[in-house]
Protein backbone atom coordinates (compact mmCIF):
# COMPACT_ATOMS: atom_id res chain seq x y z
CA MET A 1 26.46 12.95 1.82
CA GLU A 2 28.59 10.21 3.41
CA LEU A 3 26.78 7.46 5.33
CA ALA A 4 28.52 8.35 8.59
CA GLU A 5 27.19 11.92 8.32
CA LEU A 6 23.54 10.86 7.99
CA SER A 7 21.19 11.03 10.93
CA TYR A 8 18.96 8.04 11.56
CA GLU A 9 16.00 9.87 10.04
CA GLN A 10 17.97 10.78 6.90
CA ALA A 11 19.34 7.26 6.46
CA PHE A 12 15.93 5.68 7.01
CA ALA A 13 14.22 8.07 4.55
CA GLU A 14 16.83 7.27 1.90
CA LEU A 15 16.44 3.55 2.62
CA GLU A 16 12.68 3.86 2.11
CA GLU A 17 13.32 5.57 -1.21
CA VAL A 18 15.70 2.79 -2.29
CA VAL A 19 13.09 0.17 -1.41
CA ARG A 20 10.44 2.11 -3.33
CA LYS A 21 12.67 2.29 -6.41
CA LEU A 22 13.57 -1.39 -6.23
CA SER A 23 9.91 -2.35 -5.83
CA GLY A 24 8.74 -0.16 -8.67
CA ALA A 25 9.61 -0.12 -12.32
CA SER A 26 12.04 -2.49 -13.93
CA LEU A 27 15.61 -1.32 -13.58
CA PRO A 28 18.68 -2.40 -15.47
CA LEU A 29 20.56 -5.03 -13.49
CA ASP A 30 23.53 -2.77 -12.77
CA ASP A 31 21.26 -0.02 -11.42
CA ALA A 32 19.30 -2.49 -9.30
CA LEU A 33 22.52 -3.91 -7.84
CA ALA A 34 23.85 -0.44 -7.06
CA LEU A 35 20.59 0.46 -5.32
CA PHE A 36 20.60 -2.81 -3.41
CA GLU A 37 24.18 -2.17 -2.21
CA ARG A 38 23.24 1.35 -1.11
CA GLY A 39 20.20 -0.05 0.70
CA GLN A 40 22.38 -2.58 2.53
CA ALA A 41 24.76 0.17 3.61
CA LEU A 42 21.87 2.38 4.74
CA ALA A 43 20.30 -0.47 6.72
CA ALA A 44 23.64 -1.12 8.42
CA GLN A 45 23.99 2.59 9.28
CA CYS A 46 20.47 2.64 10.73
CA GLY A 47 21.37 -0.42 12.83
CA ARG A 48 24.54 1.23 14.14
CA LEU A 49 22.65 4.40 15.04
CA LEU A 50 19.91 2.43 16.80
CA ASP A 51 22.52 0.41 18.72
CA GLY A 52 24.14 3.65 19.85
CA ALA A 53 20.80 5.08 20.95
CA GLU A 54 20.01 1.88 22.86
CA LEU A 55 23.35 2.04 24.65
CA ARG A 56 22.71 5.66 25.64
CA LEU A 57 19.26 4.75 26.99
CA ARG A 58 20.69 1.87 29.01
CA GLN A 59 23.20 4.25 30.53
CA LEU A 60 20.48 6.74 31.47
CA LEU A 61 17.83 4.46 32.96
CA PRO A 62 18.15 3.76 36.67
CA SER A 63 18.01 0.07 37.46
CA GLY A 64 16.54 -2.00 40.19
CA ASP A 65 18.35 -4.89 41.83
CA GLY A 66 20.38 -7.34 39.80
CA ASP A 67 21.95 -5.04 37.24
CA PRO A 68 24.26 -7.46 35.39
CA ALA A 69 26.70 -4.70 34.46
CA GLY A 70 26.80 -3.39 38.02
CA GLN A 71 26.37 0.18 36.80
CA GLY A 72 23.03 0.95 38.37
CA TYR A 73 21.10 0.70 35.12
CA ALA A 74 18.64 -1.84 33.81
CA GLU A 75 17.16 -2.68 30.46
CA HIS A 76 13.64 -1.59 29.68
CA ASP A 77 11.49 -2.84 26.82
CA PHE A 78 10.09 0.18 25.00
CA SER A 79 7.50 -1.78 23.03
CA LEU A 80 4.53 0.06 21.57
CA ASP A 81 2.15 -2.46 23.16
CA GLU A 82 2.49 -0.67 26.49
CA ALA A 83 0.61 2.39 25.22
């Protein structure tokens, strides 16, 4: 499947598998480089998907005063420490 067709969950699961393979048994250099390149591409795809999700959230959240974009939305930190 092409990178652009992968969901975040699919790309992240494949990235985890690449990391597992690279961390495991010794691989021939060419195989290790190919896996590393795939991992880089998967990490970039995950980043793009997360950026898109963040943009959508910013567009959906109502803001208080001082919205720098003037669109009525504000940033919110969704850290796990708030739980």
